[in-house]
Amino acid sequence: MNRIRFIILLIGAAAFLSGCFDSEESIPAHSIHYLNGKDSVSLFDFENGNTNQLKLDVLSESPYGTTSRNPVEEKTLTMIQDDKKGYQYYLQSGEAFIEIGKVDTPVFGGVYTKDRIYTIVYEKEKAILKEIDPNSFKKVNEWELNGYPEAITADYETGTVYMLSRTDSILLYTLKDGNIKKKQLLDDTYEVNAQFDDDQLIISINQLVRNNGKETNNKEVKEIAVYDTKSEEIIETYTTEHPPKYVVPSGNEMLVISGTPNSNFIETINNQNKVTSSSELKTREVFGITPYKNDYYVISRDGIYKADNNQLTLIEKNEVPDSVDLSIQ
């Protein structure tokens, strides 16, 4: 993901963003925000399925950014790109959704866990992981990462942070109790995505990156690797019919959103590594997956889907303009 992407995400109790919306409005409990223009967001209420549009007091002609949600502490970290102010950091907790600080350098992403923000920024063409105190927005520590960041996620129960980076291989960085360690996870230059679920990193491997500086000759990859964080090894691999993008855990089966940049499919894979079903998902682009209670919701350019019985059902049609680039971690 060479371009940093933008989404505003808010899930949790009723909140107010004073001074940023057109008027002071009550944010429904259990809701999600995502960008729907250069200065507006869509608000989807999980409970009643309604969507409203809200104004935001930032402006970007090429809107992008990143957001992650801590489901254990019910806190959401949002990084918003503003053409005039750099990147704004917002933290939602309970009834508060406030700006806590800003940086002037490009931002890849970040997570909030155990009263700390861990965010990857770019400084002098290098990726830096910064540990920040959210109360003062001052740096506590920092670590230089090799290569290009591909993913950042966390085990929110323990506060362990995981990062994947691409060099001539895929590196896994693990930050636990202030100590960081690095290991080679995959032996080639893949494009990957990662999700943490039940002591495992589920890694979608969708492209082999081949760029010699003069031309790009990338190749599709159709594989999912399951990395056990306890034994610190890949314990399972699955083969998909199309390059995987996101995975919805589903008991003994795995629901996979796959495809190319211009196509999307839904695949079901059983625990014998067999694709039991595959069908086209008629949406232009999928931005990410977010959980609510025991369900998973898929946010796309054409609307919101709910995963149920190994199927995706469009429950709210809400189009996102082509100029908007979103990401949900």
C-alpha atoms as a PDB file:
ATOM      1  CA  MET A   1       0.000   0.000   0.000  1.00  0.00           C
ATOM      2  CA  ASN A   2       2.162   2.826  -1.261  1.00  0.00           C
ATOM      3  CA  ARG A   3      -0.531   5.421  -0.910  1.00  0.00           C
ATOM      4  CA  ILE A   4      -1.688   6.212   2.558  1.00  0.00           C
ATOM      5  CA  ARG A   5      -5.431   5.982   2.729  1.00  0.00           C
ATOM      6  CA  PHE A   6      -8.125   7.808   4.650  1.00  0.00           C
ATOM      7  CA  ILE A   7     -11.035   6.783   6.791  1.00  0.00           C
ATOM      8  CA  ILE A   8     -12.805   8.207   9.782  1.00  0.00           C
ATOM      9  CA  LEU A   9     -14.058   5.503  12.069  1.00  0.00           C
ATOM     10  CA  LEU A  10     -16.007   5.859  15.283  1.00  0.00           C
ATOM     11  CA  ILE A  11     -17.552   2.919  17.070  1.00  0.00           C
ATOM     12  CA  GLY A  12     -18.824   3.118  20.623  1.00  0.00           C
ATOM     13  CA  ALA A  13     -20.966   5.124  22.939  1.00  0.00           C
ATOM     14  CA  ALA A  14     -22.730   8.359  22.027  1.00  0.00           C
ATOM     15  CA  ALA A  15     -20.193  11.069  21.262  1.00  0.00           C
ATOM     16  CA  PHE A  16     -19.946  14.752  20.400  1.00  0.00           C
ATOM     17  CA  LEU A  17     -17.365  16.340  18.144  1.00  0.00           C
ATOM     18  CA  SER A  18     -17.869  19.958  19.162  1.00  0.00           C
ATOM     19  CA  GLY A  19     -16.851  22.535  16.566  1.00  0.00           C
ATOM     20  CA  CYS A  20     -16.311  19.991  13.792  1.00  0.00           C
ATOM     21  CA  PHE A  21     -19.815  19.093  12.693  1.00  0.00           C
ATOM     22  CA  ASP A  22     -22.270  21.598  11.244  1.00  0.00           C
ATOM     23  CA  SER A  23     -24.116  21.518  14.552  1.00  0.00           C
ATOM     24  CA  GLU A  24     -23.652  19.780  17.846  1.00  0.00           C
ATOM     25  CA  GLU A  25     -25.283  16.411  17.207  1.00  0.00           C
ATOM     26  CA  SER A  26     -25.564  13.308  19.322  1.00  0.00           C
ATOM     27  CA  ILE A  27     -23.634  10.397  17.831  1.00  0.00           C
ATOM     28  CA  PRO A  28     -25.596   7.156  18.239  1.00  0.00           C
ATOM     29  CA  ALA A  29     -24.094   4.417  20.329  1.00  0.00           C
ATOM     30  CA  HIS A  30     -22.571   1.571  18.321  1.00  0.00           C
ATOM     31  CA  SER A  31     -21.902   3.529  15.148  1.00  0.00           C
ATOM     32  CA  ILE A  32     -19.220   3.775  12.513  1.00  0.00           C
ATOM     33  CA  HIS A  33     -17.993   6.813  10.584  1.00  0.00           C
ATOM     34  CA  TYR A  34     -16.263   6.788   7.234  1.00  0.00           C
ATOM     35  CA  LEU A  35     -15.262   9.494   4.792  1.00  0.00           C
ATOM     36  CA  ASN A  36     -17.773  10.361   2.096  1.00  0.00           C
ATOM     37  CA  GLY A  37     -16.248  13.504   0.624  1.00  0.00           C
ATOM     38  CA  LYS A  38     -13.427  15.957   1.156  1.00  0.00           C
ATOM     39  CA  ASP A  39     -15.128  17.465   4.217  1.00  0.00           C
ATOM     40  CA  SER A  40     -17.945  15.092   5.180  1.00  0.00           C
ATOM     41  CA  VAL A  41     -18.426  11.666   6.720  1.00  0.00           C
ATOM     42  CA  SER A  42     -21.136   9.040   6.670  1.00  0.00           C
ATOM     43  CA  LEU A  43     -22.460   7.750   9.975  1.00  0.00           C
ATOM     44  CA  PHE A  44     -23.877   4.219  10.016  1.00  0.00           C
ATOM     45  CA  ASP A  45     -25.799   3.098  13.099  1.00  0.00           C
ATOM     46  CA  PHE A  46     -25.392  -0.646  13.685  1.00  0.00           C
ATOM     47  CA  GLU A  47     -28.558  -0.826  15.780  1.00  0.00           C
ATOM     48  CA  ASN A  48     -31.099   0.643  13.354  1.00  0.00           C
ATOM     49  CA  GLY A  49     -29.183   0.425  10.063  1.00  0.00           C
ATOM     50  CA  ASN A  50     -29.589   4.131   9.245  1.00  0.00           C
ATOM     51  CA  THR A  51     -26.940   6.326   7.632  1.00  0.00           C
ATOM     52  CA  ASN A  52     -26.575  10.091   8.073  1.00  0.00           C
ATOM     53  CA  GLN A  53     -24.139  12.613   6.616  1.00  0.00           C
ATOM     54  CA  LEU A  54     -22.088  14.847   8.901  1.00  0.00           C
ATOM     55  CA  LYS A  55     -19.766  17.755   8.144  1.00  0.00           C
ATOM     56  CA  LEU A  56     -16.172  17.660   9.355  1.00  0.00           C
ATOM     57  CA  ASP A  57     -14.002  20.690  10.020  1.00  0.00           C
ATOM     58  CA  VAL A  58     -11.087  19.461   7.921  1.00  0.00           C
ATOM     59  CA  LEU A  59     -10.498  19.849   4.214  1.00  0.00           C
ATOM     60  CA  SER A  60      -8.434  17.727   1.869  1.00  0.00           C
ATOM     61  CA  GLU A  61      -8.588  17.774  -1.910  1.00  0.00           C
ATOM     62  CA  SER A  62      -7.162  14.220  -1.934  1.00  0.00           C
ATOM     63  CA  PRO A  63      -8.666  12.801   1.273  1.00  0.00           C
ATOM     64  CA  TYR A  64      -6.977   9.817   2.859  1.00  0.00           C
ATOM     65  CA  GLY A  65      -5.811   8.565   6.239  1.00  0.00           C
ATOM     66  CA  THR A  66      -6.279   5.620   8.568  1.00  0.00           C
ATOM     67  CA  THR A  67      -8.229   4.450  11.611  1.00  0.00           C
ATOM     68  CA  SER A  68      -8.142   1.550  14.029  1.00  0.00           C
ATOM     69  CA  ARG A  69     -10.475   0.490  16.827  1.00  0.00           C
ATOM     70  CA  ASN A  70      -9.544  -1.096  20.148  1.00  0.00           C
ATOM     71  CA  PRO A  71     -12.538  -3.389  20.848  1.00  0.00           C
ATOM     72  CA  VAL A  72     -11.349  -4.289  24.352  1.00  0.00           C
ATOM     73  CA  GLU A  73     -11.142  -0.721  25.690  1.00  0.00           C
ATOM     74  CA  GLU A  74     -13.784   0.630  23.269  1.00  0.00           C
ATOM     75  CA  LYS A  75     -11.454   3.342  21.979  1.00  0.00           C
ATOM     76  CA  THR A  76     -10.917   4.466  18.413  1.00  0.00           C
ATOM     77  CA  LEU A  77      -7.763   6.116  17.072  1.00  0.00           C
ATOM     78  CA  THR A  78      -8.277   8.246  13.980  1.00  0.00           C
ATOM     79  CA  MET A  79      -5.576   9.904  11.882  1.00  0.00           C
ATOM     80  CA  ILE A  80      -6.936  12.532   9.496  1.00  0.00           C
ATOM     81  CA  GLN A  81      -5.026  14.259   6.725  1.00  0.00           C
ATOM     82  CA  ASP A  82      -5.727  17.977   6.431  1.00  0.00           C
ATOM     83  CA  ASP A  83      -4.152  19.962   3.592  1.00  0.00           C
ATOM     84  CA  LYS A  84      -3.501  22.940   5.878  1.00  0.00           C
ATOM     85  CA  LYS A  85      -2.536  21.230   9.145  1.00  0.00           C
ATOM     86  CA  GLY A  86      -0.776  17.955   8.334  1.00  0.00           C
ATOM     87  CA  TYR A  87      -2.155  14.893  10.100  1.00  0.00           C
ATOM     88  CA  GLN A  88      -4.585  15.280  12.974  1.00  0.00           C
ATOM     89  CA  TYR A  89      -4.881  12.548  15.614  1.00  0.00           C
ATOM     90  CA  TYR A  90      -8.247  11.971  17.274  1.00  0.00           C
ATOM     91  CA  LEU A  91      -9.103   9.578  20.075  1.00  0.00           C
ATOM     92  CA  GLN A  92     -12.656   8.474  20.801  1.00  0.00           C
ATOM     93  CA  SER A  93     -13.411   7.144  24.257  1.00  0.00           C
ATOM     94  CA  GLY A  94     -16.869   6.947  25.764  1.00  0.00           C
ATOM     95  CA  GLU A  95     -18.628  10.237  25.051  1.00  0.00           C
ATOM     96  CA  ALA A  96     -15.457  12.076  24.024  1.00  0.00           C
ATOM     97  CA  PHE A  97     -14.028  12.352  20.518  1.00  0.00           C
ATOM     98  CA  ILE A  98     -11.252  14.915  20.656  1.00  0.00           C
ATOM     99  CA  GLU A  99      -8.176  16.019  18.771  1.00  0.00           C
ATOM    100  CA  ILE A 100      -5.158  15.014  20.826  1.00  0.00           C
ATOM    101  CA  GLY A 101      -2.321  16.202  18.585  1.00  0.00           C
ATOM    102  CA  LYS A 102      -0.898  16.500  15.109  1.00  0.00           C
ATOM    103  CA  VAL A 103       2.207  15.663  13.082  1.00  0.00           C
ATOM    104  CA  ASP A 104       3.635  17.282   9.970  1.00  0.00           C
ATOM    105  CA  THR A 105       4.996  14.078   8.431  1.00  0.00           C
ATOM    106  CA  PRO A 106       3.086  11.447   6.409  1.00  0.00           C
ATOM    107  CA  VAL A 107       1.362   8.746   8.467  1.00  0.00           C
ATOM    108  CA  PHE A 108       0.972   5.063   7.599  1.00  0.00           C
ATOM    109  CA  GLY A 109      -1.285   4.057  10.482  1.00  0.00           C
ATOM    110  CA  GLY A 110      -1.465   3.305  14.164  1.00  0.00           C
ATOM    111  CA  VAL A 111      -3.189   1.621  17.091  1.00  0.00           C
ATOM    112  CA  TYR A 112      -4.212   2.590  20.620  1.00  0.00           C
ATOM    113  CA  THR A 113      -3.628   0.092  23.423  1.00  0.00           C
ATOM    114  CA  LYS A 114      -2.870   0.215  27.160  1.00  0.00           C
ATOM    115  CA  ASP A 115      -2.908   4.034  27.321  1.00  0.00           C
ATOM    116  CA  ARG A 116      -0.383   4.380  24.520  1.00  0.00           C
ATOM    117  CA  ILE A 117      -0.513   5.252  20.826  1.00  0.00           C
ATOM    118  CA  TYR A 118       1.755   3.299  18.491  1.00  0.00           C
ATOM    119  CA  THR A 119       1.928   4.966  15.102  1.00  0.00           C
ATOM    120  CA  ILE A 120       4.090   4.503  12.008  1.00  0.00           C
ATOM    121  CA  VAL A 121       5.184   7.747  10.346  1.00  0.00           C
ATOM    122  CA  TYR A 122       7.602   8.580   7.548  1.00  0.00           C
ATOM    123  CA  GLU A 123      10.601  10.755   8.389  1.00  0.00           C
ATOM    124  CA  LYS A 124      13.407  11.381   5.880  1.00  0.00           C
ATOM    125  CA  GLU A 125      12.126   8.523   3.705  1.00  0.00           C
ATOM    126  CA  LYS A 126      12.302   6.068   6.612  1.00  0.00           C
ATOM    127  CA  ALA A 127       9.483   4.342   8.478  1.00  0.00           C
ATOM    128  CA  ILE A 128       9.512   5.108  12.198  1.00  0.00           C
ATOM    129  CA  LEU A 129       7.342   3.478  14.860  1.00  0.00           C
ATOM    130  CA  LYS A 130       6.562   6.011  17.574  1.00  0.00           C
ATOM    131  CA  GLU A 131       5.156   5.357  21.038  1.00  0.00           C
ATOM    132  CA  ILE A 132       3.141   8.404  22.119  1.00  0.00           C
ATOM    133  CA  ASP A 133       1.472   9.375  25.382  1.00  0.00           C
ATOM    134  CA  PRO A 134      -2.098  10.269  24.319  1.00  0.00           C
ATOM    135  CA  ASN A 135      -2.557  12.695  27.216  1.00  0.00           C
ATOM    136  CA  SER A 136       0.349  14.977  26.302  1.00  0.00           C
ATOM    137  CA  PHE A 137       0.918  13.719  22.739  1.00  0.00           C
ATOM    138  CA  LYS A 138       4.627  13.553  23.528  1.00  0.00           C
ATOM    139  CA  LYS A 139       6.924  10.847  22.236  1.00  0.00           C
ATOM    140  CA  VAL A 140       7.839   8.170  24.767  1.00  0.00           C
ATOM    141  CA  ASN A 141       9.997   6.015  22.497  1.00  0.00           C
ATOM    142  CA  GLU A 142      10.658   5.278  18.836  1.00  0.00           C
ATOM    143  CA  TRP A 143      12.082   2.529  16.639  1.00  0.00           C
ATOM    144  CA  GLU A 144      13.258   2.615  13.023  1.00  0.00           C
ATOM    145  CA  LEU A 145      11.686  -0.043  10.784  1.00  0.00           C
ATOM    146  CA  ASN A 146      13.269  -1.553   7.703  1.00  0.00           C
ATOM    147  CA  GLY A 147      11.463  -1.380   4.374  1.00  0.00           C
ATOM    148  CA  TYR A 148       7.928  -0.355   3.535  1.00  0.00           C
ATOM    149  CA  PRO A 149       5.142  -0.854   6.103  1.00  0.00           C
ATOM    150  CA  GLU A 150       2.399  -3.224   4.986  1.00  0.00           C
ATOM    151  CA  ALA A 151       0.260  -3.624   8.116  1.00  0.00           C
ATOM    152  CA  ILE A 152      -0.046  -2.703  11.792  1.00  0.00           C
ATOM    153  CA  THR A 153      -2.382  -4.407  14.248  1.00  0.00           C
ATOM    154  CA  ALA A 154      -2.474  -5.430  17.903  1.00  0.00           C
ATOM    155  CA  ASP A 155      -3.504  -7.982  20.473  1.00  0.00           C
ATOM    156  CA  TYR A 156      -5.609  -5.586  22.519  1.00  0.00           C
ATOM    157  CA  GLU A 157      -5.851  -7.984  25.465  1.00  0.00           C
ATOM    158  CA  THR A 158      -2.092  -7.961  26.072  1.00  0.00           C
ATOM    159  CA  GLY A 159      -1.094  -4.713  24.366  1.00  0.00           C
ATOM    160  CA  THR A 160       1.304  -6.469  21.982  1.00  0.00           C
ATOM    161  CA  VAL A 161       1.702  -4.640  18.660  1.00  0.00           C
ATOM    162  CA  TYR A 162       2.458  -6.422  15.373  1.00  0.00           C
ATOM    163  CA  MET A 163       3.820  -4.823  12.204  1.00  0.00           C
ATOM    164  CA  LEU A 164       4.612  -6.274   8.790  1.00  0.00           C
ATOM    165  CA  SER A 165       7.204  -4.587   6.580  1.00  0.00           C
ATOM    166  CA  ARG A 166       8.386  -5.333   3.038  1.00  0.00           C
ATOM    167  CA  THR A 167      12.074  -5.353   2.091  1.00  0.00           C
ATOM    168  CA  ASP A 168      13.460  -8.192  -0.050  1.00  0.00           C
ATOM    169  CA  SER A 169      11.264 -10.333   2.200  1.00  0.00           C
ATOM    170  CA  ILE A 170       8.391  -9.780   4.638  1.00  0.00           C
ATOM    171  CA  LEU A 171       9.527  -8.883   8.146  1.00  0.00           C
ATOM    172  CA  LEU A 172       7.434  -9.238  11.282  1.00  0.00           C
ATOM    173  CA  TYR A 173       8.072  -6.758  14.091  1.00  0.00           C
ATOM    174  CA  THR A 174       6.637  -7.615  17.513  1.00  0.00           C
ATOM    175  CA  LEU A 175       6.560  -4.947  20.236  1.00  0.00           C
ATOM    176  CA  LYS A 176       5.812  -6.265  23.720  1.00  0.00           C
ATOM    177  CA  ASP A 177       6.461  -4.611  27.089  1.00  0.00           C
ATOM    178  CA  GLY A 178       8.682  -1.982  25.488  1.00  0.00           C
ATOM    179  CA  ASN A 179      10.887  -4.517  23.715  1.00  0.00           C
ATOM    180  CA  ILE A 180      10.834  -4.963  19.945  1.00  0.00           C
ATOM    181  CA  LYS A 181      12.019  -7.977  18.003  1.00  0.00           C
ATOM    182  CA  LYS A 182      12.235  -8.699  14.294  1.00  0.00           C
ATOM    183  CA  LYS A 183      12.047 -11.897  12.284  1.00  0.00           C
ATOM    184  CA  GLN A 184      11.723 -12.854   8.639  1.00  0.00           C
ATOM    185  CA  LEU A 185       8.231 -14.185   8.098  1.00  0.00           C
ATOM    186  CA  LEU A 186       8.029 -14.668   4.319  1.00  0.00           C
ATOM    187  CA  ASP A 187      10.968 -15.101   1.976  1.00  0.00           C
ATOM    188  CA  ASP A 188       9.960 -12.795  -0.871  1.00  0.00           C
ATOM    189  CA  THR A 189       8.635  -9.295  -1.593  1.00  0.00           C
ATOM    190  CA  TYR A 190       4.914  -9.796  -1.156  1.00  0.00           C
ATOM    191  CA  GLU A 191       2.083  -7.331  -0.732  1.00  0.00           C
ATOM    192  CA  VAL A 192       0.156  -8.428   2.346  1.00  0.00           C
ATOM    193  CA  ASN A 193      -2.590  -7.543   4.781  1.00  0.00           C
ATOM    194  CA  ALA A 194      -2.866  -8.784   8.373  1.00  0.00           C
ATOM    195  CA  GLN A 195      -5.635  -9.222  10.931  1.00  0.00           C
ATOM    196  CA  PHE A 196      -5.285 -10.386  14.547  1.00  0.00           C
ATOM    197  CA  ASP A 197      -7.761 -12.961  15.824  1.00  0.00           C
ATOM    198  CA  ASP A 198      -7.527 -15.307  18.813  1.00  0.00           C
ATOM    199  CA  ASP A 199      -3.718 -15.402  19.237  1.00  0.00           C
ATOM    200  CA  GLN A 200      -3.208 -15.621  15.486  1.00  0.00           C
ATOM    201  CA  LEU A 201      -2.159 -13.281  12.708  1.00  0.00           C
ATOM    202  CA  ILE A 202      -4.177 -14.034   9.588  1.00  0.00           C
ATOM    203  CA  ILE A 203      -2.041 -12.833   6.693  1.00  0.00           C
ATOM    204  CA  SER A 204      -3.530 -12.326   3.230  1.00  0.00           C
ATOM    205  CA  ILE A 205      -0.812 -12.657   0.577  1.00  0.00           C
ATOM    206  CA  ASN A 206      -2.112 -11.223  -2.674  1.00  0.00           C
ATOM    207  CA  GLN A 207       0.781 -10.038  -4.795  1.00  0.00           C
ATOM    208  CA  LEU A 208       4.436 -10.711  -5.482  1.00  0.00           C
ATOM    209  CA  VAL A 209       6.046  -7.306  -5.965  1.00  0.00           C
ATOM    210  CA  ARG A 210       8.547  -7.069  -8.803  1.00  0.00           C
ATOM    211  CA  ASN A 211       9.919  -3.586  -9.439  1.00  0.00           C
ATOM    212  CA  ASN A 212      13.436  -3.130 -10.800  1.00  0.00           C
ATOM    213  CA  GLY A 213      13.206   0.651 -10.900  1.00  0.00           C
ATOM    214  CA  LYS A 214      12.383   0.766 -14.593  1.00  0.00           C
ATOM    215  CA  GLU A 215       9.281  -1.376 -14.803  1.00  0.00           C
ATOM    216  CA  THR A 216       6.854  -3.205 -12.563  1.00  0.00           C
ATOM    217  CA  ASN A 217       5.996  -6.822 -13.202  1.00  0.00           C
ATOM    218  CA  ASN A 218       3.949  -7.888 -10.185  1.00  0.00           C
ATOM    219  CA  LYS A 219       2.421 -11.354 -10.023  1.00  0.00           C
ATOM    220  CA  GLU A 220      -0.782 -12.489  -8.351  1.00  0.00           C
ATOM    221  CA  VAL A 221      -0.547 -14.677  -5.249  1.00  0.00           C
ATOM    222  CA  LYS A 222      -3.505 -16.630  -3.848  1.00  0.00           C
ATOM    223  CA  GLU A 223      -2.537 -17.634  -0.340  1.00  0.00           C
ATOM    224  CA  ILE A 224      -3.463 -17.043   3.296  1.00  0.00           C
ATOM    225  CA  ALA A 225      -0.927 -17.779   6.040  1.00  0.00           C
ATOM    226  CA  VAL A 226      -1.923 -18.267   9.690  1.00  0.00           C
ATOM    227  CA  TYR A 227       0.834 -17.269  12.115  1.00  0.00           C
ATOM    228  CA  ASP A 228       0.524 -18.497  15.696  1.00  0.00           C
ATOM    229  CA  THR A 229       1.818 -15.792  18.032  1.00  0.00           C
ATOM    230  CA  LYS A 230       2.377 -18.277  20.860  1.00  0.00           C
ATOM    231  CA  SER A 231       4.563 -20.765  18.981  1.00  0.00           C
ATOM    232  CA  GLU A 232       5.855 -17.965  16.727  1.00  0.00           C
ATOM    233  CA  GLU A 233       5.471 -19.920  13.507  1.00  0.00           C
ATOM    234  CA  ILE A 234       3.175 -20.268  10.524  1.00  0.00           C
ATOM    235  CA  ILE A 235       0.916 -23.194  11.364  1.00  0.00           C
ATOM    236  CA  GLU A 236      -1.458 -23.248   8.391  1.00  0.00           C
ATOM    237  CA  THR A 237      -1.716 -22.025   4.827  1.00  0.00           C
ATOM    238  CA  TYR A 238      -4.796 -21.814   2.629  1.00  0.00           C
ATOM    239  CA  THR A 239      -5.126 -21.455  -1.121  1.00  0.00           C
ATOM    240  CA  THR A 240      -7.762 -19.154  -2.601  1.00  0.00           C
ATOM    241  CA  GLU A 241      -9.170 -18.927  -6.121  1.00  0.00           C
ATOM    242  CA  HIS A 242      -8.392 -15.203  -6.328  1.00  0.00           C
ATOM    243  CA  PRO A 243      -5.833 -12.984  -4.529  1.00  0.00           C
ATOM    244  CA  PRO A 244      -7.106 -12.575  -0.922  1.00  0.00           C
ATOM    245  CA  LYS A 245      -7.816  -9.149   0.562  1.00  0.00           C
ATOM    246  CA  TYR A 246      -9.660  -9.646   3.876  1.00  0.00           C
ATOM    247  CA  VAL A 247     -10.726 -12.601   6.002  1.00  0.00           C
ATOM    248  CA  VAL A 248     -13.823 -13.006   8.174  1.00  0.00           C
ATOM    249  CA  PRO A 249     -13.238 -15.745  10.794  1.00  0.00           C
ATOM    250  CA  SER A 250     -16.214 -18.098  10.843  1.00  0.00           C
ATOM    251  CA  GLY A 251     -15.792 -21.169  13.045  1.00  0.00           C
ATOM    252  CA  ASN A 252     -14.495 -24.134  11.067  1.00  0.00           C
ATOM    253  CA  GLU A 253     -14.674 -22.157   7.850  1.00  0.00           C
ATOM    254  CA  MET A 254     -13.113 -18.980   6.562  1.00  0.00           C
ATOM    255  CA  LEU A 255     -14.961 -16.300   4.607  1.00  0.00           C
ATOM    256  CA  VAL A 256     -12.519 -14.567   2.271  1.00  0.00           C
ATOM    257  CA  ILE A 257     -12.944 -11.368   0.287  1.00  0.00           C
ATOM    258  CA  SER A 258     -10.647 -11.762  -2.696  1.00  0.00           C
ATOM    259  CA  GLY A 259     -10.030 -10.373  -6.168  1.00  0.00           C
ATOM    260  CA  THR A 260      -8.024  -7.770  -8.042  1.00  0.00           C
ATOM    261  CA  PRO A 261      -8.199  -3.960  -7.745  1.00  0.00           C
ATOM    262  CA  ASN A 262     -11.056  -4.041 -10.280  1.00  0.00           C
ATOM    263  CA  SER A 263     -12.936  -7.125  -9.073  1.00  0.00           C
ATOM    264  CA  ASN A 264     -14.188  -8.659  -5.828  1.00  0.00           C
ATOM    265  CA  PHE A 265     -15.230 -12.177  -4.903  1.00  0.00           C
ATOM    266  CA  ILE A 266     -16.524 -14.013  -1.845  1.00  0.00           C
ATOM    267  CA  GLU A 267     -14.938 -17.389  -1.138  1.00  0.00           C
ATOM    268  CA  THR A 268     -15.619 -19.933   1.588  1.00  0.00           C
ATOM    269  CA  ILE A 269     -12.731 -22.202   2.603  1.00  0.00           C
ATOM    270  CA  ASN A 270     -13.156 -25.158   4.967  1.00  0.00           C
ATOM    271  CA  ASN A 271     -10.554 -26.541   7.373  1.00  0.00           C
ATOM    272  CA  GLN A 272      -9.445 -29.066   4.751  1.00  0.00           C
ATOM    273  CA  ASN A 273      -8.177 -26.137   2.647  1.00  0.00           C
ATOM    274  CA  LYS A 274     -10.922 -26.551   0.085  1.00  0.00           C
ATOM    275  CA  VAL A 275     -12.849 -23.695  -1.497  1.00  0.00           C
ATOM    276  CA  THR A 276     -16.459 -24.784  -1.019  1.00  0.00           C
ATOM    277  CA  SER A 277     -18.052 -21.752  -2.667  1.00  0.00           C
ATOM    278  CA  SER A 278     -17.005 -18.754  -4.722  1.00  0.00           C
ATOM    279  CA  SER A 279     -19.116 -15.947  -6.168  1.00  0.00           C
ATOM    280  CA  GLU A 280     -18.654 -12.415  -7.432  1.00  0.00           C
ATOM    281  CA  LEU A 281     -19.250  -9.526  -5.041  1.00  0.00           C
ATOM    282  CA  LYS A 282     -20.789  -6.754  -7.097  1.00  0.00           C
ATOM    283  CA  THR A 283     -19.082  -3.763  -5.564  1.00  0.00           C
ATOM    284  CA  ARG A 284     -16.400  -1.484  -6.957  1.00  0.00           C
ATOM    285  CA  GLU A 285     -14.022  -1.604  -3.994  1.00  0.00           C
ATOM    286  CA  VAL A 286     -13.805  -3.028  -0.480  1.00  0.00           C
ATOM    287  CA  PHE A 287     -12.219  -0.791   2.175  1.00  0.00           C
ATOM    288  CA  GLY A 288     -12.140  -3.074   5.181  1.00  0.00           C
ATOM    289  CA  ILE A 289     -13.928  -5.141   7.799  1.00  0.00           C
ATOM    290  CA  THR A 290     -15.070  -4.109  11.266  1.00  0.00           C
ATOM    291  CA  PRO A 291     -16.628  -6.255  14.027  1.00  0.00           C
ATOM    292  CA  TYR A 292     -19.673  -5.422  16.088  1.00  0.00           C
ATOM    293  CA  LYS A 293     -20.647  -7.849  18.842  1.00  0.00           C
ATOM    294  CA  ASN A 294     -20.445 -11.283  17.181  1.00  0.00           C
ATOM    295  CA  ASP A 295     -20.967  -9.978  13.654  1.00  0.00           C
ATOM    296  CA  TYR A 296     -18.679  -8.602  10.965  1.00  0.00           C
ATOM    297  CA  TYR A 297     -19.474  -5.696   8.655  1.00  0.00           C
ATOM    298  CA  VAL A 298     -17.809  -4.983   5.330  1.00  0.00           C
ATOM    299  CA  ILE A 299     -17.488  -1.372   4.182  1.00  0.00           C
ATOM    300  CA  SER A 300     -17.354  -0.926   0.409  1.00  0.00           C
ATOM    301  CA  ARG A 301     -17.552   1.903  -2.082  1.00  0.00           C
ATOM    302  CA  ASP A 302     -21.174   0.982  -2.807  1.00  0.00           C
ATOM    303  CA  GLY A 303     -22.479   0.329   0.690  1.00  0.00           C
ATOM    304  CA  ILE A 304     -22.307  -1.742   3.856  1.00  0.00           C
ATOM    305  CA  TYR A 305     -22.518  -5.526   3.913  1.00  0.00           C
ATOM    306  CA  LYS A 306     -23.137  -7.850   6.838  1.00  0.00           C
ATOM    307  CA  ALA A 307     -21.483 -11.267   6.960  1.00  0.00           C
ATOM    308  CA  ASP A 308     -24.014 -13.961   7.847  1.00  0.00           C
ATOM    309  CA  ASN A 309     -23.986 -17.731   7.226  1.00  0.00           C
ATOM    310  CA  ASN A 310     -20.916 -17.424   5.012  1.00  0.00           C
ATOM    311  CA  GLN A 311     -22.633 -14.826   2.842  1.00  0.00           C
ATOM    312  CA  LEU A 312     -22.515 -11.061   2.514  1.00  0.00           C
ATOM    313  CA  THR A 313     -25.802  -9.187   2.476  1.00  0.00           C
ATOM    314  CA  LEU A 314     -26.021  -5.530   1.439  1.00  0.00           C
ATOM    315  CA  ILE A 315     -27.855  -3.870   4.322  1.00  0.00           C
ATOM    316  CA  GLU A 316     -27.262  -0.206   3.493  1.00  0.00           C
ATOM    317  CA  LYS A 317     -26.531   1.330   0.101  1.00  0.00           C
ATOM    318  CA  ASN A 318     -24.312   4.360   0.570  1.00  0.00           C
ATOM    319  CA  GLU A 319     -21.964   5.275  -2.259  1.00  0.00           C
ATOM    320  CA  VAL A 320     -18.523   6.736  -1.617  1.00  0.00           C
ATOM    321  CA  PRO A 321     -17.140   9.116  -4.302  1.00  0.00           C
ATOM    322  CA  ASP A 322     -14.280   7.831  -6.441  1.00  0.00           C
ATOM    323  CA  SER A 323     -12.066  10.662  -5.172  1.00  0.00           C
ATOM    324  CA  VAL A 324     -12.144   9.227  -1.643  1.00  0.00           C
ATOM    325  CA  ASP A 325      -9.584   6.598  -0.624  1.00  0.00           C
ATOM    326  CA  LEU A 326     -10.472   4.681   2.554  1.00  0.00           C
ATOM    327  CA  SER A 327      -8.911   2.105   4.842  1.00  0.00           C
ATOM    328  CA  ILE A 328     -10.226   0.299   7.902  1.00  0.00           C
ATOM    329  CA  GLN A 329      -7.678  -1.568   9.998  1.00  0.00           C
END
